Amino acid sequence: MLENPEERIRLLKAGMDMKSIEELYIRYNNFKIVRRPVIFKRDK
């Protein structure tokens, strides 16, 4: 699922956000998260 960029672009155009697409990609391609990535959020 979501193997090529065109599939991900279709979901973006349909209104899904990138974080949701990434979660779907990880879940349905049987990836395992070994360590949570550090995510920084900038204040505007």
C-alpha atoms as a PDB file:
ATOM      1  CA  MET A   1       0.000   0.000   0.000  1.00  0.00           C
ATOM      2  CA  LEU A   2       1.209   3.482  -0.882  1.00  0.00           C
ATOM      3  CA  GLU A   3       4.244   2.051  -2.629  1.00  0.00           C
ATOM      4  CA  ASN A   4       4.598   4.788  -5.201  1.00  0.00           C
ATOM      5  CA  PRO A   5       4.400   8.571  -4.879  1.00  0.00           C
ATOM      6  CA  GLU A   6       1.307   8.819  -7.082  1.00  0.00           C
ATOM      7  CA  GLU A   7      -0.795   6.979  -4.496  1.00  0.00           C
ATOM      8  CA  ARG A   8       0.374   9.323  -1.736  1.00  0.00           C
ATOM      9  CA  ILE A   9      -0.251  12.383  -3.906  1.00  0.00           C
ATOM     10  CA  ARG A  10      -3.819  11.192  -4.572  1.00  0.00           C
ATOM     11  CA  LEU A  11      -4.441  10.999  -0.828  1.00  0.00           C
ATOM     12  CA  LEU A  12      -2.996  14.489  -0.310  1.00  0.00           C
ATOM     13  CA  LYS A  13      -5.253  15.890  -3.015  1.00  0.00           C
ATOM     14  CA  ALA A  14      -8.217  14.110  -1.401  1.00  0.00           C
ATOM     15  CA  GLY A  15      -7.555  16.091   1.779  1.00  0.00           C
ATOM     16  CA  MET A  16      -5.563  13.747   4.014  1.00  0.00           C
ATOM     17  CA  ASP A  17      -2.697  15.265   5.949  1.00  0.00           C
ATOM     18  CA  MET A  18       0.853  13.957   5.627  1.00  0.00           C
ATOM     19  CA  LYS A  19       0.980  12.572   9.167  1.00  0.00           C
ATOM     20  CA  SER A  20      -2.065  10.347   8.534  1.00  0.00           C
ATOM     21  CA  ILE A  21      -0.596   9.100   5.265  1.00  0.00           C
ATOM     22  CA  GLU A  22       2.677   8.295   7.004  1.00  0.00           C
ATOM     23  CA  GLU A  23       0.834   6.357   9.733  1.00  0.00           C
ATOM     24  CA  LEU A  24      -1.054   4.341   7.092  1.00  0.00           C
ATOM     25  CA  TYR A  25       2.200   3.623   5.235  1.00  0.00           C
ATOM     26  CA  ILE A  26       3.890   2.339   8.391  1.00  0.00           C
ATOM     27  CA  ARG A  27       0.891   0.267   9.535  1.00  0.00           C
ATOM     28  CA  TYR A  28       0.038  -1.429   6.248  1.00  0.00           C
ATOM     29  CA  ASN A  29       3.612  -2.133   5.164  1.00  0.00           C
ATOM     30  CA  ASN A  30       4.407  -3.888   8.463  1.00  0.00           C
ATOM     31  CA  PHE A  31       7.155  -1.527   9.569  1.00  0.00           C
ATOM     32  CA  LYS A  32       8.059  -1.587  13.232  1.00  0.00           C
ATOM     33  CA  ILE A  33       9.115   1.574  15.026  1.00  0.00           C
ATOM     34  CA  VAL A  34      12.095   0.730  17.197  1.00  0.00           C
ATOM     35  CA  ARG A  35      12.489   4.161  18.708  1.00  0.00           C
ATOM     36  CA  ARG A  36      10.209   7.168  18.489  1.00  0.00           C
ATOM     37  CA  PRO A  37      11.707   9.961  16.379  1.00  0.00           C
ATOM     38  CA  VAL A  38      12.305  13.324  17.971  1.00  0.00           C
ATOM     39  CA  ILE A  39       9.917  15.822  16.416  1.00  0.00           C
ATOM     40  CA  PHE A  40      10.384  19.516  16.925  1.00  0.00           C
ATOM     41  CA  LYS A  41       7.519  21.915  16.440  1.00  0.00           C
ATOM     42  CA  ARG A  42       8.288  25.521  15.694  1.00  0.00           C
ATOM     43  CA  ASP A  43       6.346  28.319  17.304  1.00  0.00           C
ATOM     44  CA  LYS A  44       5.128  30.820  14.778  1.00  0.00           C
END
